[in-house]
N, C-alpha and C. Protein backbone atom coordinates (compact mmCIF):
# COMPACT_ATOMS: atom_id res chain seq x y z
N UNK A 1 3.63 1.09 -0.20
CA UNK A 1 4.78 0.44 -0.50
C UNK A 1 4.64 -0.06 -1.94
N UNK A 2 5.66 0.12 -2.78
CA UNK A 2 5.75 -0.32 -4.16
C UNK A 2 5.85 -1.84 -4.19
N UNK A 3 4.88 -2.52 -5.02
CA UNK A 3 4.85 -3.69 -5.08
C UNK A 3 5.00 -4.23 -6.37
N UNK A 4 5.34 -5.57 -6.65
CA UNK A 4 5.71 -6.28 -7.89
C UNK A 4 4.47 -7.06 -8.19
N UNK A 5 3.84 -6.88 -9.57
CA UNK A 5 4.44 -6.11 -10.63
C UNK A 5 4.19 -4.74 -10.64
N UNK A 6 5.15 -3.86 -10.80
CA UNK A 6 4.83 -2.31 -10.72
C UNK A 6 4.77 -1.92 -12.32
N UNK A 7 3.57 -1.20 -12.48
CA UNK A 7 3.45 -0.86 -13.94
C UNK A 7 3.98 0.71 -14.06
N UNK A 8 4.06 1.49 -12.91
CA UNK A 8 4.81 2.70 -13.11
C UNK A 8 5.30 2.90 -11.71
N UNK A 9 6.71 2.76 -11.65
CA UNK A 9 7.26 3.00 -10.30
C UNK A 9 8.53 3.94 -10.38
N UNK A 10 8.81 4.52 -9.32
CA UNK A 10 10.03 5.35 -9.20
C UNK A 10 11.22 4.55 -8.95
N UNK A 11 12.37 4.96 -9.43
CA UNK A 11 13.53 4.24 -9.04
C UNK A 11 13.73 4.13 -7.70
N UNK A 12 14.03 2.78 -7.36
CA UNK A 12 14.10 2.37 -5.94
C UNK A 12 15.38 1.40 -5.80
N UNK A 13 16.18 1.64 -4.83
CA UNK A 13 17.37 0.79 -4.66
C UNK A 13 17.15 -0.64 -4.13
N UNK A 14 16.10 -0.69 -3.25
CA UNK A 14 15.75 -1.97 -2.66
C UNK A 14 14.85 -2.79 -3.55
N UNK A 15 14.71 -4.13 -3.50
CA UNK A 15 13.78 -4.83 -4.35
C UNK A 15 12.35 -4.42 -4.01
N UNK A 16 11.58 -4.58 -4.91
CA UNK A 16 10.03 -4.38 -4.73
C UNK A 16 9.52 -5.45 -3.85
N UNK A 17 8.57 -5.25 -3.09
CA UNK A 17 7.72 -6.31 -2.34
C UNK A 17 7.06 -7.02 -3.30
N UNK A 18 7.07 -8.36 -3.23
CA UNK A 18 6.54 -9.33 -4.21
C UNK A 18 5.39 -9.97 -3.31
N UNK A 19 4.15 -9.59 -3.36
CA UNK A 19 3.14 -10.35 -2.65
C UNK A 19 3.21 -11.90 -2.75
N UNK A 20 3.22 -12.32 -3.94
CA UNK A 20 3.11 -13.66 -4.27
C UNK A 20 4.17 -14.61 -3.68
N UNK A 21 5.23 -13.94 -3.07
CA UNK A 21 6.25 -14.56 -2.34
C UNK A 21 6.04 -14.71 -0.92
N UNK A 22 5.09 -14.02 -0.38
CA UNK A 22 4.70 -13.93 1.02
C UNK A 22 3.69 -14.90 1.44
N UNK A 23 3.81 -15.74 2.50
CA UNK A 23 2.92 -16.70 2.99
C UNK A 23 1.78 -15.91 3.87
N UNK A 24 2.13 -14.68 4.27
CA UNK A 24 1.22 -13.94 5.25
C UNK A 24 0.34 -12.75 4.60
N UNK A 25 0.72 -12.53 3.24
CA UNK A 25 0.12 -11.41 2.62
C UNK A 25 -1.44 -11.65 2.29
N UNK A 26 -2.21 -10.75 2.33
CA UNK A 26 -3.64 -11.02 1.89
C UNK A 26 -4.11 -9.63 1.39
N UNK A 27 -4.83 -9.71 0.42
CA UNK A 27 -5.58 -8.53 -0.20
C UNK A 27 -6.77 -8.44 0.50
N UNK A 28 -7.27 -6.98 0.63
CA UNK A 28 -8.51 -6.88 1.40
C UNK A 28 -9.76 -6.91 0.48
N UNK A 29 -10.81 -7.55 0.80
CA UNK A 29 -12.00 -7.61 -0.08
C UNK A 29 -12.67 -6.20 -0.03
N UNK A 30 -13.32 -5.76 -1.07
CA UNK A 30 -13.85 -4.42 -1.12
C UNK A 30 -14.97 -4.34 -0.30
N UNK A 31 -15.70 -5.47 0.11
CA UNK A 31 -16.94 -5.45 1.04
C UNK A 31 -16.57 -5.46 2.50
N UNK A 32 -15.26 -5.43 2.82
CA UNK A 32 -14.81 -5.78 4.25
C UNK A 32 -14.88 -4.50 4.99
N UNK A 33 -15.14 -4.58 6.30
CA UNK A 33 -15.08 -3.41 7.14
C UNK A 33 -13.86 -2.52 6.97
N UNK A 34 -12.73 -3.12 6.76
CA UNK A 34 -11.50 -2.44 6.57
C UNK A 34 -11.46 -1.59 5.35
N UNK A 35 -11.95 -2.00 4.32
CA UNK A 35 -12.20 -1.17 3.07
C UNK A 35 -12.96 -0.13 3.29
N UNK A 36 -14.15 -0.28 4.01
CA UNK A 36 -15.25 0.71 4.08
C UNK A 36 -14.76 1.73 5.11
N UNK A 37 -13.83 1.42 5.97
CA UNK A 37 -13.31 2.34 6.99
C UNK A 37 -12.25 3.39 6.46
N UNK A 38 -11.83 3.23 5.19
CA UNK A 38 -10.92 3.93 4.54
C UNK A 38 -11.56 5.08 3.90
N UNK A 39 -12.46 5.85 4.53
CA UNK A 39 -13.20 6.81 3.98
C UNK A 39 -12.37 8.11 3.55
N UNK A 40 -11.27 8.19 4.21
CA UNK A 40 -10.34 9.35 3.99
C UNK A 40 -9.47 9.32 2.66
N UNK A 41 -9.61 8.20 2.05
CA UNK A 41 -8.85 8.03 0.79
C UNK A 41 -9.88 7.35 -0.21
N UNK A 42 -9.65 7.58 -1.41
CA UNK A 42 -10.57 7.12 -2.49
C UNK A 42 -10.40 5.62 -2.60
N UNK A 43 -11.45 4.95 -2.51
CA UNK A 43 -11.44 3.38 -2.72
C UNK A 43 -12.31 3.02 -3.70
N UNK A 44 -12.21 1.99 -4.35
CA UNK A 44 -12.89 1.41 -5.39
C UNK A 44 -12.87 -0.24 -5.37
N UNK A 45 -13.91 -0.71 -6.00
CA UNK A 45 -13.87 -2.15 -5.92
C UNK A 45 -13.48 -2.69 -7.31
N UNK A 46 -12.40 -3.51 -7.29
CA UNK A 46 -11.95 -4.21 -8.62
C UNK A 46 -12.90 -5.18 -9.21
N UNK A 47 -12.62 -5.50 -10.24
CA UNK A 47 -13.41 -6.75 -10.95
C UNK A 47 -13.21 -7.95 -10.20
N UNK A 48 -12.13 -8.02 -9.40
CA UNK A 48 -11.75 -9.29 -8.65
C UNK A 48 -12.28 -9.04 -7.17
N UNK A 49 -12.99 -8.02 -6.87
CA UNK A 49 -13.57 -7.67 -5.59
C UNK A 49 -12.45 -7.35 -4.53
N UNK A 50 -11.20 -6.85 -5.04
CA UNK A 50 -10.31 -6.31 -4.16
C UNK A 50 -10.46 -4.77 -3.88
N UNK A 51 -10.06 -4.33 -2.65
CA UNK A 51 -10.17 -3.09 -2.27
C UNK A 51 -9.00 -2.18 -2.85
N UNK A 52 -9.35 -1.44 -3.96
CA UNK A 52 -8.37 -0.60 -4.62
C UNK A 52 -8.36 0.79 -3.91
N UNK A 53 -7.02 1.35 -3.85
CA UNK A 53 -7.07 2.76 -3.38
C UNK A 53 -6.36 3.71 -4.40
N UNK A 54 -6.65 4.95 -4.13
CA UNK A 54 -5.79 6.03 -4.81
C UNK A 54 -5.61 7.02 -3.68
N UNK A 55 -4.37 7.32 -3.36
CA UNK A 55 -3.91 8.26 -2.35
C UNK A 55 -3.14 9.46 -2.97
N UNK A 56 -3.65 10.59 -2.73
CA UNK A 56 -3.00 11.83 -3.22
C UNK A 56 -2.34 12.55 -1.88
N UNK A 57 -1.22 12.93 -2.01
CA UNK A 57 -0.53 13.55 -0.89
C UNK A 57 -0.17 14.92 -1.06
N UNK A 58 0.00 15.70 -0.01
CA UNK A 58 0.28 17.25 -0.09
C UNK A 58 1.28 17.53 -1.15
N UNK A 59 2.42 16.85 -1.23
CA UNK A 59 3.40 17.13 -2.18
C UNK A 59 3.08 16.80 -3.52
N UNK A 60 2.02 16.44 -3.89
CA UNK A 60 1.43 16.02 -5.21
C UNK A 60 1.91 14.65 -5.62
N UNK A 61 2.34 13.84 -4.60
CA UNK A 61 2.62 12.45 -4.98
C UNK A 61 1.36 11.66 -5.05
N UNK A 62 1.42 10.63 -5.86
CA UNK A 62 0.12 9.73 -5.89
C UNK A 62 0.47 8.43 -5.84
N UNK A 63 -0.26 7.54 -5.37
CA UNK A 63 -0.13 6.11 -5.23
C UNK A 63 -1.41 5.25 -5.43
N UNK A 64 -1.27 4.29 -6.21
CA UNK A 64 -2.51 3.58 -6.45
C UNK A 64 -2.17 2.09 -6.27
N UNK A 65 -3.12 1.20 -5.84
CA UNK A 65 -2.97 -0.11 -5.67
C UNK A 65 -4.03 -0.89 -4.78
N UNK A 66 -3.77 -1.94 -4.23
CA UNK A 66 -4.54 -2.70 -3.54
C UNK A 66 -4.45 -2.59 -1.87
N UNK A 67 -5.45 -2.42 -1.22
CA UNK A 67 -5.29 -2.30 0.27
C UNK A 67 -5.17 -3.89 0.57
N UNK A 68 -4.22 -4.15 1.56
CA UNK A 68 -3.71 -5.49 1.94
C UNK A 68 -3.34 -5.59 3.39
N UNK A 69 -3.15 -6.72 3.88
CA UNK A 69 -2.58 -6.90 5.23
C UNK A 69 -1.28 -7.79 5.02
N UNK A 70 -0.30 -7.60 6.03
CA UNK A 70 0.90 -8.37 6.00
C UNK A 70 1.39 -8.55 7.36
N UNK A 71 2.18 -9.44 7.64
CA UNK A 71 2.84 -9.50 9.09
C UNK A 71 4.17 -8.86 8.82
N UNK A 72 4.43 -7.94 9.60
CA UNK A 72 5.75 -7.25 9.66
C UNK A 72 6.57 -7.45 10.91
N UNK A 73 7.81 -7.27 10.86
CA UNK A 73 8.63 -7.43 12.02
C UNK A 73 9.50 -6.25 12.21
N UNK A 74 9.29 -5.70 13.25
CA UNK A 74 10.04 -4.46 13.74
C UNK A 74 11.01 -4.94 15.01
N UNK A 75 12.27 -5.01 14.71
CA UNK A 75 13.22 -5.64 15.78
C UNK A 75 12.80 -6.98 16.07
N UNK A 76 12.40 -7.26 17.35
CA UNK A 76 12.02 -8.47 17.67
C UNK A 76 10.50 -8.56 17.94
N UNK A 77 9.72 -7.56 17.53
CA UNK A 77 8.29 -7.76 17.54
C UNK A 77 7.81 -8.07 16.16
N UNK A 78 6.80 -8.97 16.26
CA UNK A 78 6.18 -9.54 15.12
C UNK A 78 4.64 -8.94 15.14
N UNK A 79 4.35 -8.21 14.09
CA UNK A 79 3.05 -7.57 14.14
C UNK A 79 2.21 -8.04 12.98
N UNK A 80 1.23 -8.97 13.20
CA UNK A 80 0.44 -9.58 12.23
C UNK A 80 -0.79 -8.60 11.75
N UNK A 81 -1.18 -8.90 10.56
CA UNK A 81 -2.23 -8.26 9.95
C UNK A 81 -2.23 -6.61 9.97
N UNK A 82 -1.11 -6.22 9.59
CA UNK A 82 -1.07 -4.69 9.50
C UNK A 82 -1.55 -4.30 8.19
N UNK A 83 -2.49 -3.32 8.08
CA UNK A 83 -2.85 -2.84 6.80
C UNK A 83 -2.15 -1.87 6.29
N UNK A 84 -1.79 -2.04 4.84
CA UNK A 84 -1.00 -1.22 4.00
C UNK A 84 -1.46 -1.06 2.64
N UNK A 85 -1.06 -0.16 1.80
CA UNK A 85 -1.32 -0.12 0.40
C UNK A 85 -0.14 -0.83 -0.30
N UNK A 86 -0.56 -1.75 -1.04
CA UNK A 86 0.38 -2.36 -2.01
C UNK A 86 0.23 -1.64 -3.24
N UNK A 87 1.18 -0.84 -3.74
CA UNK A 87 1.10 0.05 -4.82
C UNK A 87 1.65 -0.53 -6.14
N UNK A 88 1.03 -0.38 -7.17
CA UNK A 88 1.40 -0.83 -8.43
C UNK A 88 1.67 0.31 -9.34
N UNK A 89 1.26 1.50 -8.91
CA UNK A 89 1.53 2.75 -9.71
C UNK A 89 1.82 3.85 -8.87
N UNK A 90 2.89 4.58 -8.99
CA UNK A 90 3.46 5.70 -8.13
C UNK A 90 4.02 6.67 -8.98
N UNK A 91 3.68 7.99 -8.45
CA UNK A 91 4.38 9.11 -9.17
C UNK A 91 4.61 10.30 -8.12
N UNK A 92 5.54 10.95 -8.20
CA UNK A 92 5.77 12.13 -7.27
C UNK A 92 7.33 12.21 -6.93
N UNK A 93 7.53 12.92 -5.83
CA UNK A 93 8.78 13.28 -5.43
C UNK A 93 9.29 12.00 -4.45
N UNK A 94 10.04 11.16 -4.87
CA UNK A 94 10.48 9.99 -4.05
C UNK A 94 11.90 9.92 -4.15
N UNK A 95 12.46 9.47 -2.88
CA UNK A 95 14.03 9.11 -2.77
C UNK A 95 14.20 7.78 -3.34
N UNK A 96 15.36 7.43 -3.90
CA UNK A 96 15.58 6.09 -4.34
C UNK A 96 15.79 5.15 -3.20
N UNK A 97 15.89 5.65 -2.02
CA UNK A 97 16.17 4.86 -0.85
C UNK A 97 14.99 4.55 -0.03
N UNK A 98 13.83 5.23 -0.52
CA UNK A 98 12.49 5.12 0.26
C UNK A 98 11.62 3.96 -0.51
N UNK A 99 10.89 3.12 0.38
CA UNK A 99 10.16 2.23 -0.29
C UNK A 99 8.64 2.49 -0.34
N UNK A 100 8.34 3.77 0.12
CA UNK A 100 6.89 4.07 0.13
C UNK A 100 6.72 5.25 1.00
N UNK A 101 5.42 5.60 1.23
CA UNK A 101 5.07 6.81 2.12
C UNK A 101 4.34 6.30 3.28
N UNK A 102 4.67 6.89 4.39
CA UNK A 102 3.86 6.65 5.68
C UNK A 102 2.98 7.83 5.82
N UNK A 103 1.73 7.61 5.88
CA UNK A 103 0.70 8.69 6.22
C UNK A 103 0.27 8.69 7.45
N UNK A 104 0.48 9.50 8.44
CA UNK A 104 0.07 9.49 9.76
C UNK A 104 -1.15 10.30 10.17
N UNK A 105 -1.50 11.00 9.20
CA UNK A 105 -2.65 11.90 9.39
C UNK A 105 -2.11 13.36 9.83
N UNK A 106 -2.92 14.38 9.73
CA UNK A 106 -2.67 15.76 9.93
C UNK A 106 -3.00 16.13 11.45
N UNK A 107 -3.79 15.31 12.13
CA UNK A 107 -4.31 15.77 13.46
C UNK A 107 -3.33 15.28 14.63
N UNK A 108 -3.83 15.40 15.91
CA UNK A 108 -3.30 14.87 17.00
C UNK A 108 -3.07 13.32 16.88
């Protein structure tokens, strides 16, 4: 998901997600089990010990940022601690009505 401040973002009609305005947003520590479990994407430890990611997709889109958690609401369901990538740099084939990419894996 594109997050503010975004250093390289595609044109997007909705506002960017601003982590500092959320009371439930948390960045993931690079030594956490969650960060270590992300072996399928490139992760790195930032100078501030945050779990950074680099995701490359089949259509050659790329996204980099911080692995984070947030509470999201879908309809009447509240889902706490959902892991997502808070992206600050994005490039690729994006529609202006899309706020990010959902990767569900290539297997069953």
